[in-house]
Amino acid sequence: MTGEERREQLIKILKSKEAIPGSDLAGKLGVSRQVIVQDIALLRSRGISITSTTKGYMLEEDTHPRRVFKLYHTADRCEEELDLIVDNGGRVEDVFIYHKAYNIVRADMNVRSRKDVQKFMEQIRSGKSQLLSTATSGYHYHTVSADTEEELDEIYDQLEKNGFLAKLQDYEPVDFWKKSE
């Protein structure tokens, strides 16, 4: 079974609506608990809402479609990128990078409006923090949710039109952004 097939099986198992311990998932799928932890991280990075509880992992029910976009830009275009997403109905749930040494590094953002974009940019401009994407020379991902798939398609189109979308590299584990057909 490939990693992608295992992650699909993992999602099917988690749809049972009850928490399942990582060790039980590992046993069902014939892998170590650490592999399950890594698979959960990859699924979360693709926008699948999985909660960790004291009793195990659960799939969260969420009616909002989401998509992960791989992006590239210089630091001076960050505000433009975030404004483009929220202006087209998107909510920037997180930012993450895929780093060759550190693997996936992720931070919640919860940016839903231009006001949120301004607050975020003020924190960056204060000089006390840097954009996570500086660790990967401007390459990063955002999990974006919206009310409809059509809004996500429009966000995709606008990101592409404005030169923000980046090509997936061979060493990256998952094709994070696929435009719905």
N, C-alpha and C. Protein backbone atom coordinates (compact mmCIF):
# COMPACT_ATOMS: atom_id res chain seq x y z
N MET A 1 0.86 -1.18 0.00
CA MET A 1 0.00 0.00 0.00
C MET A 1 0.90 1.24 0.00
N THR A 2 0.62 2.17 -0.89
CA THR A 2 1.40 3.41 -0.94
C THR A 2 0.98 4.32 0.21
N GLY A 3 1.78 5.35 0.46
CA GLY A 3 1.45 6.33 1.50
C GLY A 3 0.13 7.02 1.22
N GLU A 4 -0.10 7.36 -0.04
CA GLU A 4 -1.36 8.05 -0.39
C GLU A 4 -2.55 7.12 -0.17
N GLU A 5 -2.42 5.85 -0.54
CA GLU A 5 -3.50 4.89 -0.31
C GLU A 5 -3.76 4.71 1.18
N ARG A 6 -2.69 4.67 1.97
CA ARG A 6 -2.83 4.54 3.43
C ARG A 6 -3.56 5.74 4.01
N ARG A 7 -3.22 6.95 3.52
CA ARG A 7 -3.89 8.14 4.04
C ARG A 7 -5.38 8.15 3.66
N GLU A 8 -5.71 7.64 2.48
CA GLU A 8 -7.12 7.53 2.09
C GLU A 8 -7.85 6.55 3.01
N GLN A 9 -7.20 5.42 3.33
CA GLN A 9 -7.78 4.45 4.27
C GLN A 9 -7.95 5.08 5.65
N LEU A 10 -6.97 5.86 6.05
CA LEU A 10 -7.03 6.54 7.35
C LEU A 10 -8.25 7.45 7.43
N ILE A 11 -8.50 8.19 6.38
CA ILE A 11 -9.69 9.06 6.35
C ILE A 11 -10.96 8.23 6.46
N LYS A 12 -11.03 7.13 5.73
CA LYS A 12 -12.22 6.27 5.79
C LYS A 12 -12.44 5.75 7.21
N ILE A 13 -11.38 5.34 7.88
CA ILE A 13 -11.49 4.83 9.25
C ILE A 13 -11.97 5.94 10.18
N LEU A 14 -11.41 7.15 10.01
CA LEU A 14 -11.77 8.26 10.91
C LEU A 14 -13.19 8.76 10.70
N LYS A 15 -13.83 8.39 9.60
CA LYS A 15 -15.22 8.81 9.35
C LYS A 15 -16.21 8.09 10.27
N SER A 16 -15.72 7.21 11.13
CA SER A 16 -16.60 6.45 12.02
C SER A 16 -17.27 7.31 13.09
N LYS A 17 -16.89 8.57 13.20
CA LYS A 17 -17.49 9.55 14.12
C LYS A 17 -17.10 9.35 15.58
N GLU A 18 -16.15 8.46 15.87
CA GLU A 18 -15.68 8.32 17.24
C GLU A 18 -14.16 8.38 17.25
N ALA A 19 -13.59 8.81 18.38
CA ALA A 19 -12.15 8.94 18.49
C ALA A 19 -11.48 7.56 18.44
N ILE A 20 -10.39 7.48 17.69
CA ILE A 20 -9.65 6.23 17.56
C ILE A 20 -8.20 6.49 17.94
N PRO A 21 -7.67 5.75 18.91
CA PRO A 21 -6.26 5.96 19.31
C PRO A 21 -5.30 5.71 18.15
N GLY A 22 -4.20 6.47 18.16
CA GLY A 22 -3.19 6.32 17.13
C GLY A 22 -2.63 4.92 17.05
N SER A 23 -2.48 4.26 18.19
CA SER A 23 -1.95 2.89 18.19
C SER A 23 -2.92 1.93 17.51
N ASP A 24 -4.24 2.15 17.69
CA ASP A 24 -5.23 1.32 17.00
C ASP A 24 -5.18 1.55 15.49
N LEU A 25 -5.04 2.82 15.09
CA LEU A 25 -4.93 3.14 13.67
C LEU A 25 -3.69 2.48 13.07
N ALA A 26 -2.59 2.54 13.81
CA ALA A 26 -1.34 1.92 13.35
C ALA A 26 -1.53 0.43 13.15
N GLY A 27 -2.19 -0.23 14.10
CA GLY A 27 -2.44 -1.67 13.99
C GLY A 27 -3.31 -2.01 12.80
N LYS A 28 -4.37 -1.22 12.57
CA LYS A 28 -5.28 -1.48 11.45
C LYS A 28 -4.59 -1.30 10.10
N LEU A 29 -3.63 -0.38 10.05
CA LEU A 29 -2.98 -0.06 8.78
C LEU A 29 -1.60 -0.72 8.62
N GLY A 30 -1.16 -1.44 9.68
CA GLY A 30 0.09 -2.18 9.58
C GLY A 30 1.34 -1.31 9.54
N VAL A 31 1.29 -0.17 10.26
CA VAL A 31 2.44 0.74 10.32
C VAL A 31 2.68 1.15 11.77
N SER A 32 3.74 1.89 12.00
CA SER A 32 4.02 2.36 13.36
C SER A 32 3.14 3.56 13.71
N ARG A 33 3.04 3.84 14.99
CA ARG A 33 2.27 4.99 15.44
C ARG A 33 2.88 6.28 14.89
N GLN A 34 4.22 6.34 14.77
CA GLN A 34 4.88 7.52 14.23
C GLN A 34 4.46 7.78 12.79
N VAL A 35 4.27 6.74 12.01
CA VAL A 35 3.80 6.91 10.62
C VAL A 35 2.40 7.52 10.64
N ILE A 36 1.56 7.08 11.57
CA ILE A 36 0.20 7.64 11.70
C ILE A 36 0.29 9.13 12.04
N VAL A 37 1.17 9.49 12.96
CA VAL A 37 1.34 10.90 13.33
C VAL A 37 1.75 11.72 12.11
N GLN A 38 2.67 11.20 11.31
CA GLN A 38 3.11 11.90 10.10
C GLN A 38 1.98 12.00 9.08
N ASP A 39 1.22 10.91 8.93
CA ASP A 39 0.08 10.93 7.99
C ASP A 39 -0.96 11.95 8.43
N ILE A 40 -1.24 12.02 9.72
CA ILE A 40 -2.21 13.00 10.24
C ILE A 40 -1.71 14.41 9.93
N ALA A 41 -0.42 14.66 10.10
CA ALA A 41 0.14 15.99 9.80
C ALA A 41 -0.02 16.32 8.31
N LEU A 42 0.24 15.35 7.45
CA LEU A 42 0.09 15.58 6.01
C LEU A 42 -1.37 15.84 5.64
N LEU A 43 -2.28 15.08 6.22
CA LEU A 43 -3.71 15.28 5.94
C LEU A 43 -4.16 16.65 6.42
N ARG A 44 -3.70 17.04 7.60
CA ARG A 44 -4.05 18.38 8.11
C ARG A 44 -3.50 19.46 7.19
N SER A 45 -2.29 19.26 6.68
CA SER A 45 -1.70 20.26 5.79
C SER A 45 -2.48 20.39 4.49
N ARG A 46 -3.24 19.35 4.13
CA ARG A 46 -4.09 19.39 2.94
C ARG A 46 -5.47 19.97 3.25
N GLY A 47 -5.66 20.41 4.50
CA GLY A 47 -6.93 21.05 4.84
C GLY A 47 -7.97 20.12 5.44
N ILE A 48 -7.59 18.90 5.74
CA ILE A 48 -8.54 17.96 6.35
C ILE A 48 -8.49 18.18 7.85
N SER A 49 -9.63 18.46 8.44
CA SER A 49 -9.71 18.80 9.86
C SER A 49 -9.76 17.53 10.70
N ILE A 50 -8.66 17.25 11.37
CA ILE A 50 -8.55 16.10 12.26
C ILE A 50 -8.20 16.62 13.64
N THR A 51 -8.99 16.23 14.63
CA THR A 51 -8.79 16.67 16.00
C THR A 51 -8.10 15.56 16.80
N SER A 52 -7.16 15.95 17.67
CA SER A 52 -6.54 15.02 18.60
C SER A 52 -7.24 15.18 19.94
N THR A 53 -7.78 14.10 20.46
CA THR A 53 -8.42 14.12 21.77
C THR A 53 -7.68 13.16 22.69
N THR A 54 -8.07 13.13 23.96
CA THR A 54 -7.45 12.19 24.89
C THR A 54 -7.78 10.75 24.54
N LYS A 55 -8.85 10.54 23.75
CA LYS A 55 -9.25 9.19 23.36
C LYS A 55 -8.75 8.81 21.97
N GLY A 56 -8.14 9.74 21.26
CA GLY A 56 -7.62 9.45 19.94
C GLY A 56 -7.94 10.53 18.92
N TYR A 57 -7.85 10.16 17.66
CA TYR A 57 -8.07 11.10 16.55
C TYR A 57 -9.52 11.02 16.08
N MET A 58 -10.04 12.18 15.67
CA MET A 58 -11.39 12.27 15.12
C MET A 58 -11.38 13.18 13.91
N LEU A 59 -12.21 12.85 12.94
CA LEU A 59 -12.40 13.70 11.78
C LEU A 59 -13.45 14.73 12.13
N GLU A 60 -13.12 16.01 11.99
CA GLU A 60 -14.09 17.08 12.27
C GLU A 60 -15.01 17.25 11.08
N GLU A 61 -16.24 17.54 11.39
CA GLU A 61 -17.19 17.83 10.32
C GLU A 61 -17.11 19.32 10.02
N ASP A 62 -16.92 19.64 8.77
CA ASP A 62 -16.83 21.03 8.34
C ASP A 62 -17.49 21.13 6.98
N THR A 63 -18.38 22.07 6.85
CA THR A 63 -19.11 22.20 5.60
C THR A 63 -18.43 23.14 4.61
N HIS A 64 -17.40 23.85 5.04
CA HIS A 64 -16.71 24.80 4.14
C HIS A 64 -15.66 24.08 3.31
N PRO A 65 -15.71 24.24 2.00
CA PRO A 65 -14.65 23.65 1.17
C PRO A 65 -13.33 24.37 1.43
N ARG A 66 -12.25 23.65 1.31
CA ARG A 66 -10.91 24.23 1.49
C ARG A 66 -9.99 23.68 0.43
N ARG A 67 -8.96 24.45 0.24
CA ARG A 67 -7.95 24.05 -0.74
C ARG A 67 -6.61 24.57 -0.24
N VAL A 68 -5.57 23.84 -0.54
CA VAL A 68 -4.22 24.27 -0.20
C VAL A 68 -3.56 24.78 -1.47
N PHE A 69 -3.00 25.99 -1.39
CA PHE A 69 -2.32 26.60 -2.52
C PHE A 69 -0.83 26.70 -2.20
N LYS A 70 0.01 26.27 -3.14
CA LYS A 70 1.45 26.49 -3.01
C LYS A 70 1.74 27.82 -3.68
N LEU A 71 2.44 28.69 -2.94
CA LEU A 71 2.64 30.06 -3.40
C LEU A 71 4.11 30.45 -3.32
N TYR A 72 4.43 31.46 -4.08
CA TYR A 72 5.77 32.05 -4.02
C TYR A 72 5.64 33.55 -4.24
N HIS A 73 6.32 34.30 -3.40
CA HIS A 73 6.47 35.74 -3.61
C HIS A 73 7.53 36.28 -2.66
N THR A 74 7.98 37.46 -2.94
CA THR A 74 8.91 38.14 -2.05
C THR A 74 8.11 38.74 -0.90
N ALA A 75 8.80 39.08 0.17
CA ALA A 75 8.15 39.59 1.39
C ALA A 75 7.30 40.83 1.11
N ASP A 76 7.72 41.66 0.15
CA ASP A 76 6.99 42.90 -0.12
C ASP A 76 5.64 42.66 -0.80
N ARG A 77 5.34 41.43 -1.21
CA ARG A 77 4.05 41.13 -1.85
C ARG A 77 3.09 40.35 -0.94
N CYS A 78 3.49 40.14 0.31
CA CYS A 78 2.67 39.37 1.23
C CYS A 78 1.28 39.98 1.41
N GLU A 79 1.22 41.26 1.67
CA GLU A 79 -0.06 41.93 1.88
C GLU A 79 -0.94 41.83 0.64
N GLU A 80 -0.35 42.00 -0.53
CA GLU A 80 -1.10 41.89 -1.78
C GLU A 80 -1.72 40.50 -1.93
N GLU A 81 -0.94 39.46 -1.63
CA GLU A 81 -1.43 38.09 -1.72
C GLU A 81 -2.59 37.85 -0.76
N LEU A 82 -2.44 38.25 0.50
CA LEU A 82 -3.50 38.03 1.50
C LEU A 82 -4.76 38.82 1.15
N ASP A 83 -4.59 40.08 0.71
CA ASP A 83 -5.76 40.88 0.29
C ASP A 83 -6.50 40.22 -0.86
N LEU A 84 -5.75 39.69 -1.81
CA LEU A 84 -6.37 39.02 -2.96
C LEU A 84 -7.25 37.86 -2.50
N ILE A 85 -6.76 37.08 -1.55
CA ILE A 85 -7.51 35.92 -1.07
C ILE A 85 -8.78 36.36 -0.34
N VAL A 86 -8.67 37.30 0.61
CA VAL A 86 -9.86 37.69 1.38
C VAL A 86 -10.84 38.49 0.52
N ASP A 87 -10.34 39.27 -0.44
CA ASP A 87 -11.22 40.05 -1.32
C ASP A 87 -12.07 39.15 -2.21
N ASN A 88 -11.61 37.91 -2.42
CA ASN A 88 -12.36 36.98 -3.27
C ASN A 88 -13.13 35.94 -2.43
N GLY A 89 -13.35 36.26 -1.16
CA GLY A 89 -14.19 35.41 -0.32
C GLY A 89 -13.47 34.32 0.45
N GLY A 90 -12.14 34.34 0.43
CA GLY A 90 -11.39 33.29 1.11
C GLY A 90 -11.04 33.64 2.54
N ARG A 91 -10.77 32.60 3.31
CA ARG A 91 -10.27 32.73 4.68
C ARG A 91 -8.94 31.98 4.73
N VAL A 92 -7.88 32.68 5.10
CA VAL A 92 -6.56 32.07 5.18
C VAL A 92 -6.44 31.42 6.55
N GLU A 93 -6.57 30.09 6.56
CA GLU A 93 -6.58 29.38 7.83
C GLU A 93 -5.20 29.20 8.43
N ASP A 94 -4.20 28.99 7.57
CA ASP A 94 -2.86 28.76 8.07
C ASP A 94 -1.82 29.10 7.03
N VAL A 95 -0.59 29.02 7.44
CA VAL A 95 0.55 29.09 6.54
C VAL A 95 1.45 27.94 6.93
N PHE A 96 2.04 27.27 5.94
CA PHE A 96 3.03 26.26 6.26
C PHE A 96 4.06 26.19 5.15
N ILE A 97 5.20 25.65 5.53
CA ILE A 97 6.28 25.44 4.58
C ILE A 97 6.64 23.97 4.59
N TYR A 98 7.15 23.50 3.48
CA TYR A 98 7.72 22.16 3.43
C TYR A 98 9.23 22.36 3.32
N HIS A 99 9.91 22.06 4.40
CA HIS A 99 11.35 22.30 4.51
C HIS A 99 12.06 20.95 4.40
N LYS A 100 13.12 20.90 3.62
CA LYS A 100 13.83 19.63 3.42
C LYS A 100 14.37 19.05 4.72
N ALA A 101 14.78 19.89 5.66
CA ALA A 101 15.33 19.40 6.92
C ALA A 101 14.27 19.27 8.01
N TYR A 102 13.37 20.25 8.11
CA TYR A 102 12.38 20.27 9.20
C TYR A 102 11.05 19.63 8.84
N ASN A 103 10.86 19.27 7.57
CA ASN A 103 9.61 18.73 7.07
C ASN A 103 8.55 19.83 7.06
N ILE A 104 7.35 19.58 7.56
CA ILE A 104 6.28 20.58 7.50
C ILE A 104 6.29 21.42 8.76
N VAL A 105 6.36 22.74 8.58
CA VAL A 105 6.29 23.69 9.69
C VAL A 105 5.05 24.54 9.44
N ARG A 106 4.12 24.56 10.40
CA ARG A 106 2.80 25.16 10.18
C ARG A 106 2.44 26.12 11.30
N ALA A 107 1.71 27.19 10.93
CA ALA A 107 1.19 28.14 11.92
C ALA A 107 -0.22 28.56 11.53
N ASP A 108 -1.12 28.60 12.50
CA ASP A 108 -2.48 29.09 12.26
C ASP A 108 -2.44 30.58 11.96
N MET A 109 -3.34 31.05 11.10
CA MET A 109 -3.43 32.48 10.77
C MET A 109 -4.82 33.04 11.04
N ASN A 110 -5.86 32.36 10.55
CA ASN A 110 -7.24 32.82 10.71
C ASN A 110 -7.44 34.24 10.21
N VAL A 111 -7.01 34.51 8.99
CA VAL A 111 -7.16 35.82 8.35
C VAL A 111 -8.40 35.78 7.47
N ARG A 112 -9.39 36.63 7.82
CA ARG A 112 -10.69 36.59 7.14
C ARG A 112 -11.09 37.90 6.47
N SER A 113 -10.33 38.96 6.73
CA SER A 113 -10.71 40.28 6.21
C SER A 113 -9.46 41.13 6.01
N ARG A 114 -9.65 42.27 5.35
CA ARG A 114 -8.52 43.20 5.20
C ARG A 114 -8.04 43.72 6.56
N LYS A 115 -8.96 43.83 7.50
CA LYS A 115 -8.57 44.25 8.85
C LYS A 115 -7.62 43.21 9.47
N ASP A 116 -7.93 41.93 9.29
CA ASP A 116 -7.04 40.88 9.78
C ASP A 116 -5.70 40.92 9.06
N VAL A 117 -5.72 41.21 7.75
CA VAL A 117 -4.48 41.32 6.99
C VAL A 117 -3.63 42.45 7.57
N GLN A 118 -4.24 43.58 7.86
CA GLN A 118 -3.51 44.72 8.42
C GLN A 118 -2.88 44.37 9.77
N LYS A 119 -3.64 43.70 10.64
CA LYS A 119 -3.10 43.29 11.95
C LYS A 119 -1.89 42.38 11.77
N PHE A 120 -2.02 41.42 10.86
CA PHE A 120 -0.92 40.50 10.60
C PHE A 120 0.31 41.25 10.09
N MET A 121 0.09 42.14 9.13
CA MET A 121 1.21 42.88 8.55
C MET A 121 1.88 43.79 9.58
N GLU A 122 1.09 44.36 10.48
CA GLU A 122 1.68 45.19 11.55
C GLU A 122 2.62 44.37 12.42
N GLN A 123 2.23 43.13 12.71
CA GLN A 123 3.11 42.27 13.51
C GLN A 123 4.41 41.98 12.77
N ILE A 124 4.31 41.74 11.46
CA ILE A 124 5.52 41.47 10.67
C ILE A 124 6.38 42.73 10.57
N ARG A 125 5.75 43.86 10.31
CA ARG A 125 6.51 45.10 10.15
C ARG A 125 7.15 45.58 11.44
N SER A 126 6.66 45.10 12.59
CA SER A 126 7.23 45.52 13.87
C SER A 126 8.68 45.05 14.00
N GLY A 127 9.06 44.08 13.17
CA GLY A 127 10.44 43.60 13.20
C GLY A 127 10.69 42.51 14.22
N LYS A 128 9.69 42.17 15.02
CA LYS A 128 9.86 41.13 16.04
C LYS A 128 9.66 39.74 15.46
N SER A 129 9.06 39.67 14.29
CA SER A 129 8.81 38.38 13.63
C SER A 129 9.08 38.52 12.14
N GLN A 130 9.33 37.37 11.51
CA GLN A 130 9.51 37.34 10.05
C GLN A 130 8.48 36.39 9.46
N LEU A 131 8.26 36.52 8.19
CA LEU A 131 7.37 35.60 7.50
C LEU A 131 7.97 34.20 7.55
N LEU A 132 7.12 33.20 7.77
CA LEU A 132 7.58 31.81 7.79
C LEU A 132 8.25 31.44 6.47
N SER A 133 7.77 32.02 5.39
CA SER A 133 8.29 31.70 4.06
C SER A 133 9.73 32.16 3.85
N THR A 134 10.28 32.97 4.74
CA THR A 134 11.68 33.37 4.59
C THR A 134 12.61 32.17 4.74
N ALA A 135 12.14 31.12 5.45
CA ALA A 135 12.97 29.92 5.63
C ALA A 135 13.05 29.10 4.34
N THR A 136 12.17 29.37 3.38
CA THR A 136 12.15 28.62 2.13
C THR A 136 12.20 29.58 0.93
N SER A 137 12.86 30.70 1.11
CA SER A 137 13.09 31.67 0.03
C SER A 137 11.80 32.14 -0.64
N GLY A 138 10.73 32.28 0.15
CA GLY A 138 9.48 32.81 -0.37
C GLY A 138 8.43 31.78 -0.72
N TYR A 139 8.80 30.51 -0.75
CA TYR A 139 7.84 29.45 -1.06
C TYR A 139 7.07 29.07 0.20
N HIS A 140 5.76 28.90 0.08
CA HIS A 140 4.92 28.54 1.22
C HIS A 140 3.56 28.07 0.73
N TYR A 141 2.75 27.63 1.66
CA TYR A 141 1.41 27.15 1.36
C TYR A 141 0.42 27.85 2.28
N HIS A 142 -0.79 28.02 1.79
CA HIS A 142 -1.89 28.47 2.64
C HIS A 142 -3.04 27.50 2.48
N THR A 143 -3.65 27.11 3.58
CA THR A 143 -4.94 26.43 3.53
C THR A 143 -5.98 27.53 3.50
N VAL A 144 -6.80 27.52 2.45
CA VAL A 144 -7.81 28.57 2.26
C VAL A 144 -9.18 27.90 2.23
N SER A 145 -10.11 28.44 3.00
CA SER A 145 -11.49 27.97 2.94
C SER A 145 -12.35 29.09 2.39
N ALA A 146 -13.52 28.70 1.90
CA ALA A 146 -14.47 29.67 1.35
C ALA A 146 -15.86 29.08 1.49
N ASP A 147 -16.87 29.84 1.15
CA ASP A 147 -18.24 29.35 1.24
C ASP A 147 -18.58 28.39 0.12
N THR A 148 -17.91 28.55 -1.04
CA THR A 148 -18.22 27.69 -2.19
C THR A 148 -16.95 27.28 -2.92
N GLU A 149 -17.05 26.20 -3.67
CA GLU A 149 -15.94 25.77 -4.54
C GLU A 149 -15.67 26.82 -5.61
N GLU A 150 -16.72 27.50 -6.06
CA GLU A 150 -16.56 28.54 -7.09
C GLU A 150 -15.67 29.67 -6.57
N GLU A 151 -15.83 30.05 -5.30
CA GLU A 151 -14.96 31.08 -4.74
C GLU A 151 -13.52 30.59 -4.69
N LEU A 152 -13.31 29.34 -4.34
CA LEU A 152 -11.95 28.79 -4.34
C LEU A 152 -11.37 28.77 -5.75
N ASP A 153 -12.20 28.45 -6.74
CA ASP A 153 -11.74 28.50 -8.13
C ASP A 153 -11.33 29.91 -8.53
N GLU A 154 -12.12 30.90 -8.11
CA GLU A 154 -11.80 32.31 -8.42
C GLU A 154 -10.50 32.73 -7.73
N ILE A 155 -10.32 32.30 -6.49
CA ILE A 155 -9.07 32.60 -5.78
C ILE A 155 -7.89 31.98 -6.52
N TYR A 156 -8.04 30.73 -6.93
CA TYR A 156 -6.99 30.06 -7.71
C TYR A 156 -6.67 30.87 -8.96
N ASP A 157 -7.71 31.25 -9.70
CA ASP A 157 -7.51 32.00 -10.94
C ASP A 157 -6.79 33.32 -10.69
N GLN A 158 -7.18 34.03 -9.63
CA GLN A 158 -6.56 35.32 -9.31
C GLN A 158 -5.12 35.15 -8.85
N LEU A 159 -4.86 34.11 -8.05
CA LEU A 159 -3.48 33.84 -7.62
C LEU A 159 -2.60 33.53 -8.83
N GLU A 160 -3.15 32.75 -9.75
CA GLU A 160 -2.40 32.41 -10.97
C GLU A 160 -2.17 33.66 -11.82
N LYS A 161 -3.22 34.44 -12.04
CA LYS A 161 -3.13 35.65 -12.86
C LYS A 161 -2.10 36.65 -12.31
N ASN A 162 -1.99 36.71 -10.99
CA ASN A 162 -1.07 37.66 -10.36
C ASN A 162 0.30 37.08 -10.05
N GLY A 163 0.56 35.87 -10.54
CA GLY A 163 1.90 35.29 -10.43
C GLY A 163 2.26 34.75 -9.06
N PHE A 164 1.28 34.37 -8.26
CA PHE A 164 1.57 33.86 -6.91
C PHE A 164 1.69 32.34 -6.84
N LEU A 165 1.07 31.60 -7.74
CA LEU A 165 1.11 30.14 -7.66
C LEU A 165 2.50 29.62 -8.01
N ALA A 166 2.91 28.58 -7.28
CA ALA A 166 4.24 27.98 -7.50
C ALA A 166 4.08 26.52 -7.87
N LYS A 167 5.02 26.02 -8.65
CA LYS A 167 5.01 24.64 -9.09
C LYS A 167 5.49 23.72 -7.97
N LEU A 168 4.84 22.58 -7.84
CA LEU A 168 5.24 21.57 -6.87
C LEU A 168 6.56 20.92 -7.31
N GLN A 169 7.47 20.72 -6.37
CA GLN A 169 8.76 20.11 -6.67
C GLN A 169 8.70 18.61 -6.42
N ASP A 170 9.64 17.88 -7.01
CA ASP A 170 9.67 16.42 -6.90
C ASP A 170 9.79 15.95 -5.45
N TYR A 171 10.52 16.67 -4.59
CA TYR A 171 10.73 16.22 -3.22
C TYR A 171 9.54 16.49 -2.30
N GLU A 172 8.55 17.24 -2.78
CA GLU A 172 7.39 17.52 -1.95
C GLU A 172 6.45 16.32 -1.98
N PRO A 173 5.89 15.95 -0.82
CA PRO A 173 5.21 14.67 -0.71
C PRO A 173 3.82 14.57 -1.33
N VAL A 174 3.12 15.66 -1.47
CA VAL A 174 1.72 15.59 -1.89
C VAL A 174 1.42 16.73 -2.85
N ASP A 175 0.59 16.47 -3.84
CA ASP A 175 0.12 17.54 -4.71
C ASP A 175 -0.97 18.28 -3.95
N PHE A 176 -0.58 19.30 -3.21
CA PHE A 176 -1.47 19.99 -2.28
C PHE A 176 -2.58 20.77 -2.98
N TRP A 177 -2.32 21.31 -4.17
CA TRP A 177 -3.35 22.16 -4.78
C TRP A 177 -3.76 21.63 -6.14
N LYS A 178 -4.92 21.08 -6.13
CA LYS A 178 -5.52 20.64 -7.38
C LYS A 178 -6.80 21.43 -7.57
N LYS A 179 -6.91 22.06 -8.69
CA LYS A 179 -8.13 22.79 -9.00
C LYS A 179 -9.24 21.78 -9.25
N SER A 180 -10.40 22.01 -8.65
CA SER A 180 -11.50 21.05 -8.85
C SER A 180 -11.95 21.09 -10.29
N GLU A 181 -12.34 19.94 -10.78
CA GLU A 181 -12.77 19.84 -12.18
C GLU A 181 -14.24 20.16 -12.29
